[in-house]
């Protein structure tokens, strides 16, 4: 989810995780199904909310 939130392409995610793009596509499809979403934009919004929630719980600011 973080990679989607950071707007990384499937190729960039695959390269970072040392897996194939096909594997990335399958994992993303699985996540979309489980979350009931249909776009990368929706996933990015969810990832952003999760990141902010985690940062606020840890007391770390997400502003620069």
C-alpha atoms as a PDB file:
ATOM      1  CA  UNK A   1       0.000   0.000   0.000  1.00  0.00           C
ATOM      2  CA  UNK A   2       2.826   2.381   0.732  1.00  0.00           C
ATOM      3  CA  UNK A   3       4.213   1.911  -2.778  1.00  0.00           C
ATOM      4  CA  UNK A   4       0.798   2.675  -4.260  1.00  0.00           C
ATOM      5  CA  UNK A   5       0.491   5.671  -1.978  1.00  0.00           C
ATOM      6  CA  UNK A   6       3.836   6.873  -3.263  1.00  0.00           C
ATOM      7  CA  UNK A   7       2.470   6.519  -6.827  1.00  0.00           C
ATOM      8  CA  UNK A   8       5.089   3.962  -7.858  1.00  0.00           C
ATOM      9  CA  UNK A   9       4.501   2.057 -11.090  1.00  0.00           C
ATOM     10  CA  UNK A  10       4.230  -1.719 -11.167  1.00  0.00           C
ATOM     11  CA  UNK A  11       7.724  -1.843 -12.678  1.00  0.00           C
ATOM     12  CA  UNK A  12       9.152   0.302  -9.865  1.00  0.00           C
ATOM     13  CA  UNK A  13       7.456  -1.800  -7.194  1.00  0.00           C
ATOM     14  CA  UNK A  14       8.682  -5.018  -8.823  1.00  0.00           C
ATOM     15  CA  UNK A  15      12.233  -3.710  -9.003  1.00  0.00           C
ATOM     16  CA  UNK A  16      12.239  -2.588  -5.367  1.00  0.00           C
ATOM     17  CA  UNK A  17      10.880  -5.943  -4.146  1.00  0.00           C
ATOM     18  CA  UNK A  18      12.861  -8.145  -6.553  1.00  0.00           C
ATOM     19  CA  UNK A  19       9.697  -9.734  -7.975  1.00  0.00           C
ATOM     20  CA  UNK A  20       8.083  -9.765 -11.411  1.00  0.00           C
ATOM     21  CA  UNK A  21       5.605  -7.156 -12.612  1.00  0.00           C
ATOM     22  CA  UNK A  22       3.069  -9.949 -13.043  1.00  0.00           C
ATOM     23  CA  UNK A  23       3.391 -10.796  -9.339  1.00  0.00           C
ATOM     24  CA  UNK A  24       2.896  -7.121  -8.478  1.00  0.00           C
ATOM     25  CA  UNK A  25      -0.240  -6.969 -10.643  1.00  0.00           C
ATOM     26  CA  UNK A  26      -1.645 -10.074  -8.961  1.00  0.00           C
ATOM     27  CA  UNK A  27      -0.939  -8.741  -5.460  1.00  0.00           C
ATOM     28  CA  UNK A  28      -2.456  -5.354  -6.298  1.00  0.00           C
ATOM     29  CA  UNK A  29      -5.572  -7.030  -7.717  1.00  0.00           C
ATOM     30  CA  UNK A  30      -5.872  -9.071  -4.518  1.00  0.00           C
ATOM     31  CA  UNK A  31      -5.535  -5.984  -2.318  1.00  0.00           C
ATOM     32  CA  UNK A  32      -8.115  -4.096  -4.416  1.00  0.00           C
ATOM     33  CA  UNK A  33     -10.570  -6.980  -4.045  1.00  0.00           C
ATOM     34  CA  UNK A  34     -10.051  -7.234  -0.284  1.00  0.00           C
ATOM     35  CA  UNK A  35     -10.493  -3.483   0.188  1.00  0.00           C
ATOM     36  CA  UNK A  36     -13.412  -3.216  -2.236  1.00  0.00           C
ATOM     37  CA  UNK A  37     -11.678  -0.616  -4.382  1.00  0.00           C
ATOM     38  CA  UNK A  38     -11.077  -0.405  -8.111  1.00  0.00           C
ATOM     39  CA  UNK A  39      -8.335   2.155  -8.705  1.00  0.00           C
ATOM     40  CA  UNK A  40      -4.826   3.092  -7.726  1.00  0.00           C
ATOM     41  CA  UNK A  41      -6.140   6.521  -6.716  1.00  0.00           C
ATOM     42  CA  UNK A  42      -8.416   4.956  -4.104  1.00  0.00           C
ATOM     43  CA  UNK A  43      -5.506   2.861  -2.855  1.00  0.00           C
ATOM     44  CA  UNK A  44      -3.316   5.974  -2.623  1.00  0.00           C
ATOM     45  CA  UNK A  45      -5.945   7.741  -0.493  1.00  0.00           C
ATOM     46  CA  UNK A  46      -6.208   4.742   1.855  1.00  0.00           C
ATOM     47  CA  UNK A  47      -2.408   4.493   2.098  1.00  0.00           C
ATOM     48  CA  UNK A  48      -2.166   8.201   2.885  1.00  0.00           C
ATOM     49  CA  UNK A  49      -4.719   7.914   5.678  1.00  0.00           C
ATOM     50  CA  UNK A  50      -2.956   4.860   7.102  1.00  0.00           C
ATOM     51  CA  UNK A  51       0.408   6.599   7.014  1.00  0.00           C
ATOM     52  CA  UNK A  52      -0.955   9.665   8.803  1.00  0.00           C
ATOM     53  CA  UNK A  53      -2.652   7.494  11.401  1.00  0.00           C
ATOM     54  CA  UNK A  54       0.556   5.583  12.101  1.00  0.00           C
ATOM     55  CA  UNK A  55       2.600   8.774  12.305  1.00  0.00           C
ATOM     56  CA  UNK A  56       0.164  10.458  14.672  1.00  0.00           C
ATOM     57  CA  UNK A  57       0.153   7.410  16.955  1.00  0.00           C
ATOM     58  CA  UNK A  58       3.949   7.463  17.063  1.00  0.00           C
ATOM     59  CA  UNK A  59       4.084  11.209  17.708  1.00  0.00           C
ATOM     60  CA  UNK A  60       5.998  11.906  14.498  1.00  0.00           C
ATOM     61  CA  UNK A  61       4.905  14.815  12.333  1.00  0.00           C
ATOM     62  CA  UNK A  62       4.386  14.190   8.605  1.00  0.00           C
ATOM     63  CA  UNK A  63       5.114  17.821   7.681  1.00  0.00           C
ATOM     64  CA  UNK A  64       8.486  18.947   6.443  1.00  0.00           C
END
